[in-house]
Amino acid sequence: MSQYENDPVEVLTEEDCWELLRSSSLGRIAVAFRGVPEIYPINFIAVDERLLLRTAPGTKLLELTINDKVAFETDSVGGDTAWSVVVNGTARVLELQSEIQAANELPLHPLIPTLKYVWVEIHPVRISGRRFRLEPEPERY
């Protein structure tokens, strides 16, 4: 699991990160506008080495169109392990009808009953991930 037998943290390969991204559907996108960072929960899909999300007009969409540099994170905790994958990249609104039509065929739907017609693509520049072996805290003397 880990590069060192007693190390509870495993640094994931990019391939491992993509596998985990494809297995997840809920994450957080971080955007910054005028130097103020904001984090928004989003549902997403990982396809063709990019992330796609749907949104509606509002603050999140405005912020990522003004500053296309974003960070994205998804994670999971269960059993005796936890993992986290972070993607740094650029975001863009899909504008070509062919791109929108292809995105509409993907199995991604809003988690809540809201109208989200705008598709956003995150093109990764850097991907990193960690898997953690969960263990009881050592006793302190």
Protein backbone atom coordinates (compact mmCIF):
# COMPACT_ATOMS: atom_id res chain seq x y z
CA MET A 1 0.00 0.00 0.00
CA SER A 2 2.69 2.49 0.95
CA GLN A 3 6.17 3.08 -0.32
CA TYR A 4 7.37 2.46 3.25
CA GLU A 5 5.91 -0.43 5.20
CA ASN A 6 5.26 1.64 8.34
CA ASP A 7 4.18 4.82 6.53
CA PRO A 8 0.40 5.33 6.83
CA VAL A 9 0.40 7.71 3.84
CA GLU A 10 0.64 6.53 0.23
CA VAL A 11 1.34 9.03 -2.55
CA LEU A 12 -0.90 8.05 -5.46
CA THR A 13 0.11 7.86 -9.09
CA GLU A 14 -1.73 9.97 -11.65
CA GLU A 15 -3.40 6.78 -12.92
CA ASP A 16 -4.60 5.97 -9.37
CA CYS A 17 -5.94 9.52 -9.07
CA TRP A 18 -7.94 9.21 -12.30
CA GLU A 19 -9.37 5.90 -11.14
CA LEU A 20 -10.57 7.54 -7.92
CA LEU A 21 -11.90 10.59 -9.79
CA ARG A 22 -13.93 8.29 -12.06
CA SER A 23 -15.35 6.50 -9.00
CA SER A 24 -16.52 9.71 -7.33
CA SER A 25 -19.25 12.22 -8.13
CA LEU A 26 -19.14 14.84 -5.38
CA GLY A 27 -16.31 17.28 -4.78
CA ARG A 28 -15.40 20.90 -4.10
CA ILE A 29 -14.21 23.56 -6.50
CA ALA A 30 -12.10 26.44 -5.22
CA VAL A 31 -12.10 29.72 -7.13
CA ALA A 32 -10.63 33.09 -6.30
CA PHE A 33 -11.97 36.50 -7.25
CA ARG A 34 -10.15 39.71 -6.26
CA GLY A 35 -7.89 37.66 -4.02
CA VAL A 36 -10.75 36.15 -2.03
CA PRO A 37 -10.97 32.35 -2.26
CA GLU A 38 -14.34 30.58 -2.27
CA ILE A 39 -15.13 26.86 -2.14
CA TYR A 40 -18.32 25.39 -3.62
CA PRO A 41 -19.61 21.82 -3.42
CA ILE A 42 -20.30 20.37 -6.86
CA ASN A 43 -21.22 17.12 -8.45
CA PHE A 44 -19.02 16.23 -11.38
CA ILE A 45 -17.97 13.54 -13.82
CA ALA A 46 -14.43 12.59 -14.82
CA VAL A 47 -14.21 11.69 -18.50
CA ASP A 48 -11.41 11.79 -21.08
CA GLU A 49 -8.90 13.12 -18.53
CA ARG A 50 -10.97 16.18 -17.72
CA LEU A 51 -13.66 17.05 -15.22
CA LEU A 52 -17.10 18.31 -16.19
CA LEU A 53 -19.69 19.97 -14.01
CA ARG A 54 -23.02 21.68 -14.52
CA THR A 55 -23.91 25.01 -12.99
CA ALA A 56 -26.31 27.92 -13.28
CA PRO A 57 -25.63 31.63 -13.63
CA GLY A 58 -24.40 33.02 -10.32
CA THR A 59 -21.35 33.81 -8.24
CA LYS A 60 -19.47 30.56 -8.91
CA LEU A 61 -19.87 30.85 -12.68
CA LEU A 62 -18.95 34.54 -12.66
CA GLU A 63 -15.84 33.93 -10.56
CA LEU A 64 -14.49 31.10 -12.68
CA THR A 65 -15.06 32.99 -15.93
CA ILE A 66 -13.13 35.99 -14.59
CA ASN A 67 -10.31 33.86 -13.13
CA ASP A 68 -10.10 30.48 -14.85
CA LYS A 69 -7.48 29.08 -12.45
CA VAL A 70 -9.24 26.61 -10.14
CA ALA A 71 -8.54 23.88 -7.65
CA PHE A 72 -10.78 20.87 -7.21
CA GLU A 73 -10.82 18.22 -4.49
CA THR A 74 -12.72 15.01 -3.88
CA ASP A 75 -12.20 12.47 -1.13
CA SER A 76 -13.62 9.51 0.72
CA VAL A 77 -13.34 7.94 4.16
CA GLY A 78 -14.44 4.39 4.81
CA GLY A 79 -13.33 1.28 6.60
CA ASP A 80 -9.66 1.46 7.41
CA THR A 81 -8.63 3.86 4.62
CA ALA A 82 -9.26 7.38 3.39
CA TRP A 83 -8.13 9.12 0.22
CA SER A 84 -8.01 12.58 -1.30
CA VAL A 85 -7.37 13.74 -4.87
CA VAL A 86 -6.61 17.37 -5.74
CA VAL A 87 -6.72 18.76 -9.28
CA ASN A 88 -5.28 22.15 -10.19
CA GLY A 89 -6.28 23.40 -13.60
CA THR A 90 -8.13 25.82 -15.79
CA ALA A 91 -11.88 26.06 -16.19
CA ARG A 92 -13.87 27.07 -19.22
CA VAL A 93 -17.53 27.20 -20.11
CA LEU A 94 -18.46 24.86 -22.95
CA GLU A 95 -19.77 27.04 -25.78
CA LEU A 96 -19.70 24.92 -28.93
CA GLN A 97 -23.03 23.20 -29.56
CA SER A 98 -21.24 19.92 -30.33
CA GLU A 99 -19.47 20.03 -26.93
CA ILE A 100 -22.70 20.84 -25.09
CA GLN A 101 -24.59 18.07 -26.88
CA ALA A 102 -21.86 15.53 -26.04
CA ALA A 103 -21.87 16.69 -22.39
CA ASN A 104 -25.67 16.41 -22.21
CA GLU A 105 -25.33 12.72 -23.06
CA LEU A 106 -23.14 12.08 -20.00
CA PRO A 107 -24.74 10.60 -16.87
CA LEU A 108 -24.40 13.75 -14.77
CA HIS A 109 -27.50 15.34 -13.29
CA PRO A 110 -27.93 17.97 -10.58
CA LEU A 111 -28.18 16.55 -7.06
CA ILE A 112 -30.98 18.95 -6.23
CA PRO A 113 -33.90 19.91 -8.47
CA THR A 114 -32.41 23.07 -9.96
CA LEU A 115 -31.90 24.09 -13.56
CA LYS A 116 -28.22 23.93 -14.41
CA TYR A 117 -27.73 24.36 -18.13
CA VAL A 118 -24.16 25.65 -18.16
CA TRP A 119 -21.41 23.06 -18.59
CA VAL A 120 -17.94 23.81 -17.25
CA GLU A 121 -14.84 21.82 -18.11
CA ILE A 122 -11.79 21.67 -15.86
CA HIS A 123 -8.63 20.87 -17.76
CA PRO A 124 -6.07 19.50 -15.26
CA VAL A 125 -2.60 21.00 -15.08
CA ARG A 126 -1.55 19.05 -11.97
CA ILE A 127 -3.11 16.08 -10.19
CA SER A 128 -2.04 14.74 -6.84
CA GLY A 129 -3.49 12.27 -4.41
CA ARG A 130 -2.92 10.53 -1.12
CA ARG A 131 -4.34 7.40 0.44
CA PHE A 132 -4.25 7.13 4.22
CA ARG A 133 -4.26 4.01 6.34
CA LEU A 134 -6.51 4.83 9.28
CA GLU A 135 -5.13 3.68 12.58
CA PRO A 136 -5.80 4.49 16.21
CA GLU A 137 -3.88 7.46 17.54
CA PRO A 138 -0.70 6.37 19.32
CA GLU A 139 -0.69 6.73 23.07
CA ARG A 140 1.00 9.82 24.40
CA TYR A 141 3.20 9.49 27.44
